[in-house]
Amino acid sequence: MKKQTSSILFYISLIAFIAALSSYSKLKQQFYGPTFFYSFSITFSIIAGFLLFSIAKYIYYTTYGLSLKYKDRDHALNINTENQYGILISIPPEELCDTDYTHNISKISINNQKTNPIVHIKYNQGLFFKPTKLQHNIKEILLLTNNNIINSIKSRQDISGLLITTNSNPLLKEISQENTITNYTLNLQSDRTLSLEISYIMNDFQKYTHQELHNILKSQASNHRNYTLKNQETIYDLTALSLLEDIKESGPEHHWYTTRQGQIAISFFKKFPIKDILDSNRLSIDLPKELQDKLTFIHNYIQQDKKIIPQDNNYDKAICARIAHTYYNYSYEMNIYPCLSLDIGQDNNHLRKILQEEIKKNEVFKQICVLSTFDLEHNTRSNSNTRSNAMTRLVIRHLSNRNDLFTILTQKINDIQDNYGFIDCTQDHGDITSLLRELSHGDKKCTVPELKKRARNYVTSFLKKHIPSNLERTTTIKLKVANVTQLSTKSQKEKISPTTSINSSVLEGNTTQPQVHTR
């Protein structure tokens, strides 16, 4: 029953109850008798029943939800990770002051941390008033699943927000400790049920499904040390190439397939046939005759006489490791600077936060980021490089609160060029000396275009260390909430009177099967 309907029923029942009591004496004198007594008793019982039901609904709407309390910082973070975890929603201190302690929380939700980093909180106002709704900006979301993480939060006296303590969950611990989390969606209801949707990228290629490896193999390759690519080659082509190159001739002619390298190559083409990946019977790359002959032999070996290919877990591990190495070093999305526009364009994106942290603490890295954005045009949609430059500049401007860093560095670079456009990297050039030596790669002289290219490669190499692939999984985990506590900064402690946080029994959580998609 809706609150508005319950409120109307309460008022009607109360008026009818009072009217029945006040009219009983008068009606008794006029209609005294067994029939009147039984009729009035039935009517009065129905009215009283409606009134009691309305009072029960009033109590429910007044008390349901979770009380938001305040604990001492160390006490709040005293979480026994054997049976409890914490979800810390970091909120700026100035916004945390707006939280409501007088009414219970009926709902907490985060729709999408990546694109809309805002937490929505709904407060219960009882039966007769509409619930109030507040929203706060989110700085970050942290999963507190082990003591090391909790201790690191204790030392960060500047962090503040809402701490949701839940039951422990094995899958949640595994995801938070063994994978790269990219996004959260959170929904906490008044019955203390929390639905946590997590998007993450697995760091271990050995745990990728066959379909995930299939998708990675189909991704575009960007470069290779020995071959000039035609912009149509895939990670599958380069992985197949490297496995064929590993096969060394040994023993009688055509018996190379009995070697370990030969068996790994055969297992790879058995698991991932060329036609399944490339929709063709040929690789996209032109192989030397020797390698093409080996590939033809492997294809015939698999097809003829229905040969049983030996299953070996070590072969599977070797195949996964080779796919991971090829993808990490030669894929377009992991090695080309324009792909940064996809990765740091969101306010609360995983890579953007990493970029921000490194720029904060590393002045040389900040200069390299500035240099990587040279030649930014006003039209930010002109090409992918430009979009990446724009995103990087936004991060730098946000952190430094300055717009002149780019102009200053441009002027310094221009001032130290010689007449031929070269910069002597062996000389002292003031506060950009470390920048030039970092990007010189041992060269005595370097041009500005070359420095810019190296700066972009430097930023790309730094970021790709923090993301193993562009393949995301999404899993929903159901948890039971024990309490919700406000976690204030050290300077806020004296401003709020401490009280005891409400607790409930901790129950087991449920999970849904992960969904896989590319970012």
Protein backbone atom coordinates (compact mmCIF):
# COMPACT_ATOMS: atom_id res chain seq x y z
CA MET A 1 0.00 0.00 0.00
CA LYS A 2 1.34 3.42 -0.92
CA LYS A 3 2.09 6.03 1.73
CA GLN A 4 -0.58 8.41 0.44
CA THR A 5 -3.27 5.70 0.59
CA SER A 6 -2.13 4.66 4.08
CA SER A 7 -2.31 8.26 5.25
CA ILE A 8 -5.87 8.72 3.92
CA LEU A 9 -6.97 5.42 5.50
CA PHE A 10 -5.53 6.49 8.85
CA TYR A 11 -7.43 9.78 8.91
CA ILE A 12 -10.71 8.17 7.78
CA SER A 13 -10.39 5.38 10.35
CA LEU A 14 -9.58 7.83 13.13
CA ILE A 15 -12.57 10.08 12.31
CA ALA A 16 -14.90 7.06 12.03
CA PHE A 17 -13.61 5.65 15.34
CA ILE A 18 -14.22 8.94 17.18
CA ALA A 19 -17.63 9.34 15.54
CA ALA A 20 -18.63 5.79 16.52
CA LEU A 21 -17.64 6.33 20.14
CA SER A 22 -19.43 9.67 20.42
CA SER A 23 -22.64 8.42 18.77
CA TYR A 24 -22.88 5.16 20.70
CA SER A 25 -24.75 6.63 23.73
CA LYS A 26 -27.37 8.40 21.60
CA LEU A 27 -27.97 5.44 19.29
CA LYS A 28 -28.15 3.06 22.25
CA GLN A 29 -31.14 4.94 23.73
CA GLN A 30 -33.02 4.96 20.41
CA PHE A 31 -32.26 1.46 19.10
CA TYR A 32 -31.49 -0.55 22.22
CA GLY A 33 -31.73 -4.27 21.62
CA PRO A 34 -29.74 -7.35 20.58
CA THR A 35 -29.85 -6.46 16.88
CA PHE A 36 -28.40 -3.00 17.49
CA PHE A 37 -25.73 -4.35 19.82
CA TYR A 38 -24.49 -6.98 17.36
CA SER A 39 -24.61 -4.58 14.38
CA PHE A 40 -22.76 -1.84 16.23
CA SER A 41 -20.17 -4.29 17.57
CA ILE A 42 -19.40 -5.57 14.07
CA THR A 43 -19.18 -2.05 12.63
CA PHE A 44 -17.04 -0.82 15.52
CA SER A 45 -14.70 -3.82 15.21
CA ILE A 46 -14.19 -3.13 11.50
CA ILE A 47 -13.44 0.56 12.17
CA ALA A 48 -11.07 -0.34 15.02
CA GLY A 49 -9.35 -2.90 12.81
CA PHE A 50 -8.76 -0.32 10.08
CA LEU A 51 -7.43 2.10 12.69
CA LEU A 52 -5.02 -0.46 14.15
CA PHE A 53 -3.87 -1.39 10.66
CA SER A 54 -3.27 2.30 9.88
CA ILE A 55 -1.32 2.76 13.12
CA ALA A 56 0.83 -0.26 12.23
CA LYS A 57 1.52 1.23 8.79
CA TYR A 58 2.38 4.53 10.46
CA ILE A 59 4.92 2.85 12.70
CA TYR A 60 6.35 0.97 9.72
CA TYR A 61 6.76 4.07 7.58
CA THR A 62 8.26 5.97 10.51
CA THR A 63 10.84 3.40 11.55
CA TYR A 64 11.75 1.39 8.44
CA GLY A 65 15.09 1.88 6.76
CA LEU A 66 18.61 2.18 8.12
CA SER A 67 19.65 4.75 10.66
CA LEU A 68 22.69 6.79 9.68
CA LYS A 69 24.95 7.08 12.68
CA TYR A 70 28.39 8.44 13.44
CA LYS A 71 31.25 6.45 14.92
CA ASP A 72 34.78 7.32 15.88
CA ARG A 73 36.94 6.92 12.79
CA ASP A 74 39.06 4.05 14.10
CA HIS A 75 36.01 2.32 15.59
CA ALA A 76 34.09 2.55 12.32
CA LEU A 77 37.01 1.05 10.40
CA ASN A 78 37.44 -1.78 12.89
CA ILE A 79 36.05 -4.37 10.46
CA ASN A 80 36.60 -8.08 10.95
CA THR A 81 37.30 -9.12 7.37
CA GLU A 82 36.72 -12.79 8.22
CA ASN A 83 32.96 -12.21 8.12
CA GLN A 84 32.43 -8.57 7.14
CA TYR A 85 33.51 -6.21 4.35
CA GLY A 86 33.18 -2.47 3.91
CA ILE A 87 32.14 -0.35 0.94
CA LEU A 88 33.39 3.21 1.37
CA ILE A 89 31.67 5.85 -0.77
CA SER A 90 34.03 8.81 -0.58
CA ILE A 91 32.15 12.14 -0.42
CA PRO A 92 33.72 15.63 -0.07
CA PRO A 93 33.61 16.84 3.57
CA GLU A 94 31.64 19.97 2.70
CA GLU A 95 28.86 17.85 1.18
CA LEU A 96 28.90 15.27 3.95
CA CYS A 97 27.67 17.93 6.38
CA ASP A 98 24.30 17.88 4.59
CA THR A 99 23.53 14.29 5.60
CA ASP A 100 20.38 13.76 7.69
CA TYR A 101 20.68 12.04 11.08
CA THR A 102 17.07 12.51 12.19
CA HIS A 103 15.45 10.17 9.64
CA ASN A 104 16.25 6.68 8.45
CA ILE A 105 17.72 6.00 5.04
CA SER A 106 15.29 4.15 2.78
CA LYS A 107 17.55 3.95 -0.27
CA ILE A 108 21.12 4.58 -1.43
CA SER A 109 21.91 4.28 -5.12
CA ILE A 110 24.76 4.92 -7.54
CA ASN A 111 23.60 4.55 -11.13
CA ASN A 112 26.99 4.62 -12.83
CA GLN A 113 30.21 5.60 -11.12
CA LYS A 114 32.03 6.06 -14.44
CA THR A 115 29.65 8.42 -16.28
CA ASN A 116 27.69 9.88 -13.36
CA PRO A 117 29.73 9.85 -10.12
CA ILE A 118 26.84 10.83 -7.83
CA VAL A 119 25.29 8.99 -4.88
CA HIS A 120 21.54 9.42 -4.39
CA ILE A 121 20.17 9.09 -0.84
CA LYS A 122 16.47 8.90 0.04
CA TYR A 123 15.41 9.58 3.65
CA ASN A 124 12.20 8.22 5.18
CA GLN A 125 9.96 11.00 6.60
CA GLY A 126 7.25 8.87 8.19
CA LEU A 127 3.68 8.23 7.02
CA PHE A 128 2.48 11.78 6.44
CA PHE A 129 5.40 13.36 4.58
CA LYS A 130 7.16 12.66 1.32
CA PRO A 131 10.68 11.24 1.58
CA THR A 132 13.49 13.73 1.09
CA LYS A 133 16.15 13.10 -1.53
CA LEU A 134 19.74 14.31 -1.49
CA GLN A 135 22.62 13.70 -3.86
CA HIS A 136 26.36 14.04 -3.33
CA ASN A 137 29.38 13.96 -5.61
CA ILE A 138 31.56 10.87 -5.34
CA LYS A 139 35.35 11.15 -5.19
CA GLU A 140 35.92 7.38 -5.28
CA ILE A 141 34.51 4.04 -4.15
CA LEU A 142 36.70 1.66 -2.17
CA LEU A 143 36.13 -1.99 -1.32
CA LEU A 144 37.52 -2.82 2.12
CA THR A 145 38.07 -6.56 1.89
CA ASN A 146 41.38 -6.99 3.72
CA ASN A 147 43.32 -5.39 6.55
CA ASN A 148 45.93 -3.79 4.29
CA ILE A 149 43.27 -1.73 2.50
CA ILE A 150 41.59 -0.82 5.80
CA ASN A 151 44.88 0.32 7.34
CA SER A 152 45.63 2.47 4.29
CA ILE A 153 42.25 4.17 4.73
CA LYS A 154 42.92 4.76 8.43
CA SER A 155 46.09 6.64 7.53
CA ARG A 156 44.24 8.87 5.05
CA GLN A 157 42.83 11.41 7.47
CA ASP A 158 41.46 13.53 4.63
CA ILE A 159 38.99 10.92 3.37
CA SER A 160 35.32 11.14 4.32
CA GLY A 161 32.07 9.55 3.20
CA LEU A 162 29.57 6.77 3.88
CA LEU A 163 30.84 3.42 5.10
CA ILE A 164 28.50 0.52 4.35
CA THR A 165 29.40 -2.61 6.31
CA THR A 166 28.17 -5.86 4.74
CA ASN A 167 28.57 -9.59 5.07
CA SER A 168 31.67 -11.11 3.51
CA ASN A 169 31.49 -12.68 0.07
CA PRO A 170 34.21 -14.85 -1.55
CA LEU A 171 33.54 -13.59 -5.09
CA LEU A 172 33.68 -9.95 -4.00
CA LYS A 173 37.05 -10.54 -2.35
CA GLU A 174 38.40 -12.34 -5.41
CA ILE A 175 37.26 -9.59 -7.79
CA SER A 176 38.63 -6.76 -5.65
CA GLN A 177 42.04 -8.36 -5.07
CA GLU A 178 42.77 -10.13 -8.36
CA ASN A 179 41.21 -7.86 -10.98
CA THR A 180 41.12 -4.25 -12.16
CA ILE A 181 37.76 -2.71 -11.21
CA THR A 182 36.49 -0.14 -13.72
CA ASN A 183 32.96 0.72 -12.57
CA TYR A 184 30.35 0.29 -9.83
CA THR A 185 26.57 0.41 -9.75
CA LEU A 186 25.04 0.22 -6.27
CA ASN A 187 21.51 -0.05 -4.92
CA LEU A 188 20.75 -0.31 -1.19
CA GLN A 189 17.12 -0.82 -0.15
CA SER A 190 15.46 -0.30 3.23
CA ASP A 191 15.35 -4.06 3.88
CA ARG A 192 19.15 -3.94 4.15
CA THR A 193 19.65 -5.71 0.83
CA LEU A 194 22.48 -4.26 -1.25
CA SER A 195 22.85 -5.03 -4.94
CA LEU A 196 26.41 -4.28 -6.08
CA GLU A 197 27.15 -4.46 -9.81
CA ILE A 198 30.88 -4.47 -10.55
CA SER A 199 32.59 -4.09 -13.92
CA TYR A 200 36.14 -5.38 -13.91
CA ILE A 201 38.99 -6.56 -16.11
CA MET A 202 40.77 -9.78 -15.18
CA ASN A 203 44.52 -9.43 -14.79
CA ASP A 204 45.17 -13.15 -15.34
CA PHE A 205 44.67 -14.30 -18.94
CA GLN A 206 44.56 -17.90 -17.69
CA LYS A 207 41.08 -17.20 -16.31
CA TYR A 208 39.68 -15.80 -19.54
CA THR A 209 36.93 -17.83 -21.19
CA HIS A 210 37.31 -19.23 -24.69
CA GLN A 211 34.96 -16.53 -26.01
CA GLU A 212 36.96 -13.77 -24.32
CA LEU A 213 40.18 -15.04 -25.87
CA HIS A 214 38.34 -15.31 -29.19
CA ASN A 215 37.39 -11.60 -28.96
CA ILE A 216 40.95 -10.58 -28.08
CA LEU A 217 42.37 -12.55 -31.00
CA LYS A 218 40.02 -10.70 -33.37
CA SER A 219 41.23 -7.26 -32.19
CA GLN A 220 43.35 -5.13 -34.51
CA ALA A 221 47.15 -5.25 -34.42
CA SER A 222 49.11 -2.01 -34.62
CA ASN A 223 52.75 -2.87 -35.24
CA HIS A 224 55.35 -5.63 -35.33
CA ARG A 225 59.10 -5.69 -34.95
CA ASN A 226 59.77 -7.68 -38.14
CA TYR A 227 56.76 -7.18 -40.39
CA THR A 228 55.14 -4.14 -41.95
CA LEU A 229 51.41 -4.43 -41.32
CA LYS A 230 48.66 -3.40 -43.70
CA ASN A 231 46.14 -2.23 -41.06
CA GLN A 232 44.12 -5.42 -41.46
CA GLU A 233 46.16 -7.83 -39.39
CA THR A 234 44.82 -9.05 -36.06
CA ILE A 235 46.27 -10.32 -32.81
CA TYR A 236 45.41 -13.79 -34.11
CA ASP A 237 47.75 -13.29 -37.08
CA LEU A 238 50.66 -12.21 -34.91
CA THR A 239 50.05 -14.92 -32.30
CA ALA A 240 49.97 -17.58 -35.02
CA LEU A 241 53.11 -16.10 -36.56
CA SER A 242 55.05 -16.24 -33.28
CA LEU A 243 53.96 -19.82 -32.54
CA LEU A 244 55.04 -20.96 -36.01
CA GLU A 245 58.38 -19.15 -35.64
CA ASP A 246 58.99 -21.01 -32.37
CA ILE A 247 58.93 -24.40 -34.10
CA LYS A 248 62.47 -25.58 -34.69
CA GLU A 249 63.32 -28.39 -37.08
CA SER A 250 64.35 -31.52 -35.18
CA GLY A 251 64.40 -35.24 -35.92
CA PRO A 252 63.25 -36.78 -39.21
CA GLU A 253 61.62 -34.58 -41.81
CA HIS A 254 58.12 -33.42 -40.87
CA HIS A 255 58.50 -34.73 -37.32
CA TRP A 256 58.79 -31.24 -35.85
CA TYR A 257 55.13 -31.53 -34.82
CA THR A 258 56.14 -33.99 -32.08
CA THR A 259 58.16 -31.32 -30.28
CA ARG A 260 56.68 -29.23 -27.49
CA GLN A 261 56.59 -26.11 -29.69
CA GLY A 262 54.90 -28.08 -32.45
CA GLN A 263 52.28 -29.47 -30.09
CA ILE A 264 51.54 -25.99 -28.70
CA ALA A 265 51.02 -24.64 -32.22
CA ILE A 266 48.75 -27.56 -33.12
CA SER A 267 46.72 -27.05 -29.91
CA PHE A 268 46.35 -23.35 -30.71
CA PHE A 269 45.01 -23.91 -34.22
CA LYS A 270 42.76 -26.68 -32.91
CA LYS A 271 41.23 -24.40 -30.27
CA PHE A 272 41.11 -21.35 -32.53
CA PRO A 273 40.70 -22.39 -36.19
CA ILE A 274 41.61 -19.71 -38.73
CA LYS A 275 38.15 -19.66 -40.27
CA ASP A 276 36.44 -19.14 -36.88
CA ILE A 277 38.52 -16.05 -36.16
CA LEU A 278 39.18 -14.47 -39.55
CA ASP A 279 36.24 -15.82 -41.59
CA SER A 280 38.88 -16.97 -44.07
CA ASN A 281 41.13 -19.95 -44.68
CA ARG A 282 44.26 -17.80 -44.75
CA LEU A 283 46.04 -15.54 -42.31
CA SER A 284 45.97 -11.82 -43.05
CA ILE A 285 49.75 -11.66 -42.87
CA ASP A 286 51.98 -12.94 -45.69
CA LEU A 287 54.06 -15.79 -44.28
CA PRO A 288 57.45 -16.92 -45.58
CA LYS A 289 57.21 -20.22 -47.49
CA GLU A 290 58.74 -22.22 -44.65
CA LEU A 291 56.12 -21.01 -42.15
CA GLN A 292 53.30 -21.34 -44.66
CA ASP A 293 54.28 -24.98 -45.24
CA LYS A 294 54.17 -25.63 -41.50
CA LEU A 295 50.75 -24.00 -41.23
CA THR A 296 49.43 -26.11 -44.12
CA PHE A 297 50.83 -29.25 -42.50
CA ILE A 298 49.16 -28.38 -39.16
CA HIS A 299 45.84 -27.74 -40.90
CA ASN A 300 46.00 -31.12 -42.67
CA TYR A 301 47.19 -32.84 -39.49
CA ILE A 302 44.12 -31.61 -37.60
CA GLN A 303 41.70 -32.47 -40.41
CA GLN A 304 42.99 -35.85 -41.58
CA ASP A 305 42.00 -39.13 -39.93
CA LYS A 306 40.33 -37.21 -37.08
CA LYS A 307 43.56 -37.26 -35.12
CA ILE A 308 43.25 -36.83 -31.36
CA ILE A 309 45.09 -33.71 -30.29
CA PRO A 310 46.69 -34.27 -26.87
CA GLN A 311 45.20 -32.15 -24.08
CA ASP A 312 47.86 -30.64 -21.86
CA ASN A 313 47.22 -27.93 -19.31
CA ASN A 314 50.77 -26.65 -19.78
CA TYR A 315 50.05 -26.15 -23.47
CA ASP A 316 46.92 -24.15 -22.59
CA LYS A 317 48.95 -21.97 -20.23
CA ALA A 318 51.57 -21.38 -22.91
CA ILE A 319 48.87 -20.41 -25.44
CA CYS A 320 47.24 -17.96 -23.00
CA ALA A 321 50.62 -16.44 -22.15
CA ARG A 322 51.44 -15.98 -25.84
CA ILE A 323 48.06 -14.35 -26.55
CA ALA A 324 48.54 -12.02 -23.58
CA HIS A 325 52.07 -11.06 -24.66
CA THR A 326 51.01 -10.40 -28.25
CA TYR A 327 47.95 -8.40 -27.24
CA TYR A 328 49.85 -6.32 -24.69
CA ASN A 329 52.71 -5.46 -27.06
CA TYR A 330 51.08 -5.27 -30.48
CA SER A 331 47.36 -4.51 -30.16
CA TYR A 332 46.04 -1.21 -31.44
CA GLU A 333 43.95 -0.47 -28.37
CA MET A 334 46.83 -1.04 -25.94
CA ASN A 335 49.65 0.69 -27.82
CA ILE A 336 48.24 3.62 -29.79
CA TYR A 337 47.94 7.04 -28.17
CA PRO A 338 44.51 7.91 -29.66
CA CYS A 339 42.94 5.10 -27.64
CA LEU A 340 43.47 7.23 -24.54
CA SER A 341 40.47 9.32 -25.59
CA LEU A 342 38.33 6.26 -24.83
CA ASP A 343 40.00 5.55 -21.51
CA ILE A 344 40.33 8.90 -19.74
CA GLY A 345 37.25 10.67 -21.05
CA GLN A 346 35.09 9.81 -18.02
CA ASP A 347 35.29 11.82 -14.80
CA ASN A 348 35.63 8.81 -12.52
CA ASN A 349 37.31 6.44 -14.92
CA HIS A 350 39.90 4.01 -13.56
CA LEU A 351 42.72 5.19 -15.86
CA ARG A 352 41.88 8.84 -15.43
CA LYS A 353 42.24 8.51 -11.66
CA ILE A 354 45.62 6.81 -12.10
CA LEU A 355 46.72 9.59 -14.44
CA GLN A 356 45.63 12.19 -11.90
CA GLU A 357 47.52 10.55 -9.05
CA GLU A 358 50.76 10.30 -11.06
CA ILE A 359 50.52 13.92 -12.26
CA LYS A 360 50.03 15.05 -8.65
CA LYS A 361 53.19 13.42 -7.34
CA ASN A 362 55.51 13.48 -10.37
CA GLU A 363 56.45 16.85 -11.88
CA VAL A 364 58.41 15.30 -14.76
CA PHE A 365 55.46 13.09 -15.65
CA LYS A 366 53.21 16.15 -15.66
CA GLN A 367 55.61 17.88 -18.09
CA ILE A 368 55.60 14.77 -20.30
CA CYS A 369 51.79 14.84 -20.34
CA VAL A 370 51.85 18.52 -21.31
CA LEU A 371 54.35 17.79 -24.09
CA SER A 372 52.19 14.93 -25.37
CA THR A 373 49.34 17.39 -25.97
CA PHE A 374 51.30 19.71 -28.28
CA ASP A 375 49.55 20.70 -31.53
CA LEU A 376 46.08 20.56 -29.95
CA GLU A 377 43.63 22.12 -32.39
CA HIS A 378 40.50 24.00 -31.39
CA ASN A 379 38.29 21.41 -33.06
CA THR A 380 38.42 18.53 -30.54
CA ARG A 381 36.56 16.21 -32.92
CA SER A 382 39.05 16.45 -35.74
CA ASN A 383 40.88 13.20 -34.96
CA SER A 384 41.60 10.70 -32.21
CA ASN A 385 44.95 12.25 -31.28
CA THR A 386 43.21 15.57 -30.70
CA ARG A 387 40.57 14.02 -28.44
CA SER A 388 43.27 12.32 -26.38
CA ASN A 389 45.17 15.60 -26.10
CA ALA A 390 42.03 17.39 -24.98
CA MET A 391 41.31 14.80 -22.29
CA THR A 392 44.86 14.93 -20.95
CA ARG A 393 44.81 18.72 -20.85
CA LEU A 394 41.54 18.70 -18.93
CA VAL A 395 43.08 16.47 -16.27
CA ILE A 396 46.19 18.68 -15.96
CA ARG A 397 44.17 21.89 -15.78
CA HIS A 398 41.85 20.41 -13.18
CA LEU A 399 44.75 19.37 -10.95
CA SER A 400 46.96 22.42 -11.35
CA ASN A 401 44.17 25.00 -11.67
CA ARG A 402 46.36 26.72 -14.28
CA ASN A 403 45.96 27.28 -17.99
CA ASP A 404 49.45 28.67 -18.66
CA LEU A 405 51.43 25.44 -18.19
CA PHE A 406 51.05 24.60 -21.87
CA THR A 407 52.08 28.06 -23.08
CA ILE A 408 55.09 28.17 -20.74
CA LEU A 409 56.42 24.77 -21.80
CA THR A 410 55.85 25.57 -25.48
CA GLN A 411 57.88 28.76 -25.11
CA LYS A 412 60.71 26.99 -23.26
CA ILE A 413 60.93 24.28 -25.93
CA ASN A 414 60.97 26.84 -28.73
CA ASP A 415 63.68 28.90 -27.01
CA ILE A 416 66.20 26.04 -26.83
CA GLN A 417 65.89 24.80 -30.44
CA ASP A 418 68.80 25.47 -32.76
CA ASN A 419 68.42 26.76 -36.32
CA TYR A 420 67.86 23.23 -37.61
CA GLY A 421 65.06 22.42 -35.13
CA PHE A 422 67.19 20.25 -32.84
CA ILE A 423 67.43 20.39 -29.05
CA ASP A 424 70.69 19.49 -27.30
CA CYS A 425 69.57 17.05 -24.59
CA THR A 426 73.00 16.95 -22.95
CA GLN A 427 72.88 20.59 -21.82
CA ASP A 428 71.26 22.01 -18.70
CA HIS A 429 67.90 23.56 -19.58
CA GLY A 430 66.64 24.52 -16.15
CA ASP A 431 63.43 22.91 -14.89
CA ILE A 432 62.87 20.95 -18.12
CA THR A 433 66.28 19.23 -18.07
CA SER A 434 64.87 16.08 -16.44
CA LEU A 435 62.06 16.01 -18.99
CA LEU A 436 64.46 16.12 -21.95
CA ARG A 437 66.79 13.49 -20.53
CA GLU A 438 63.88 11.16 -19.78
CA LEU A 439 62.73 11.36 -23.40
CA SER A 440 66.15 11.54 -25.08
CA HIS A 441 66.63 7.75 -24.98
CA GLY A 442 70.37 8.42 -24.90
CA ASP A 443 70.35 10.63 -28.00
CA LYS A 444 72.40 13.80 -27.78
CA LYS A 445 69.98 15.76 -29.94
CA CYS A 446 66.30 15.41 -30.70
CA THR A 447 63.62 17.32 -32.64
CA VAL A 448 60.37 18.59 -31.14
CA PRO A 449 58.20 16.21 -33.24
CA GLU A 450 60.29 13.28 -32.03
CA LEU A 451 60.00 14.45 -28.41
CA LYS A 452 56.24 14.79 -28.81
CA LYS A 453 56.01 11.26 -30.23
CA ARG A 454 58.11 9.87 -27.40
CA ALA A 455 55.99 11.73 -24.83
CA ARG A 456 52.83 10.14 -26.22
CA ASN A 457 54.44 6.71 -26.20
CA TYR A 458 55.57 7.33 -22.63
CA VAL A 459 52.03 8.20 -21.47
CA THR A 460 50.61 5.22 -23.35
CA SER A 461 53.17 2.83 -21.83
CA PHE A 462 52.47 4.17 -18.35
CA LEU A 463 48.70 3.76 -18.62
CA LYS A 464 48.65 0.34 -20.23
CA LYS A 465 50.52 -1.09 -17.23
CA HIS A 466 47.35 -0.49 -15.23
CA ILE A 467 44.92 -2.24 -17.54
CA PRO A 468 45.59 -5.74 -18.90
CA SER A 469 42.99 -5.62 -21.67
CA ASN A 470 39.90 -3.82 -22.93
CA LEU A 471 37.62 -6.72 -22.08
CA GLU A 472 35.24 -6.13 -19.17
CA ARG A 473 33.17 -8.52 -17.11
CA THR A 474 30.11 -7.39 -15.19
CA THR A 475 28.86 -9.28 -12.13
CA THR A 476 26.05 -8.48 -9.68
CA ILE A 477 26.57 -9.47 -6.05
CA LYS A 478 23.80 -9.46 -3.43
CA LEU A 479 24.90 -8.53 0.08
CA LYS A 480 23.19 -8.01 3.43
CA VAL A 481 24.02 -4.73 5.16
CA ALA A 482 24.96 -4.65 8.83
CA ASN A 483 25.16 -0.86 9.24
CA VAL A 484 25.72 2.46 7.50
CA THR A 485 28.12 4.86 9.18
CA GLN A 486 29.34 8.34 8.39
CA LEU A 487 33.11 8.50 8.17
CA SER A 488 34.35 12.03 8.75
CA THR A 489 37.76 13.60 8.30
CA LYS A 490 39.93 14.24 11.31
CA SER A 491 38.90 17.92 11.36
CA GLN A 492 35.20 16.98 11.39
CA LYS A 493 35.34 14.69 14.39
CA GLU A 494 34.57 17.32 17.01
CA LYS A 495 31.66 18.75 15.01
CA ILE A 496 29.44 15.64 15.29
CA SER A 497 28.34 13.93 18.48
CA PRO A 498 29.28 10.28 18.40
CA THR A 499 26.52 7.69 18.78
CA THR A 500 26.32 3.97 18.44
CA SER A 501 25.64 2.62 14.99
CA ILE A 502 22.72 0.22 14.51
CA ASN A 503 23.62 -3.40 13.74
CA SER A 504 21.76 -6.36 12.31
CA SER A 505 22.53 -10.01 11.83
CA VAL A 506 24.87 -10.68 8.95
CA LEU A 507 23.53 -13.03 6.26
CA GLU A 508 25.10 -14.68 3.25
CA GLY A 509 25.07 -12.89 -0.11
CA ASN A 510 24.20 -14.12 -3.60
CA THR A 511 25.80 -13.50 -6.97
CA THR A 512 24.73 -13.58 -10.57
CA GLN A 513 26.77 -15.00 -13.43
CA PRO A 514 29.19 -12.49 -14.96
CA GLN A 515 28.44 -10.80 -18.26
CA VAL A 516 31.28 -10.06 -20.66
CA HIS A 517 31.59 -7.11 -23.00
CA THR A 518 34.28 -4.98 -24.59
CA ARG A 519 34.69 -1.40 -23.48
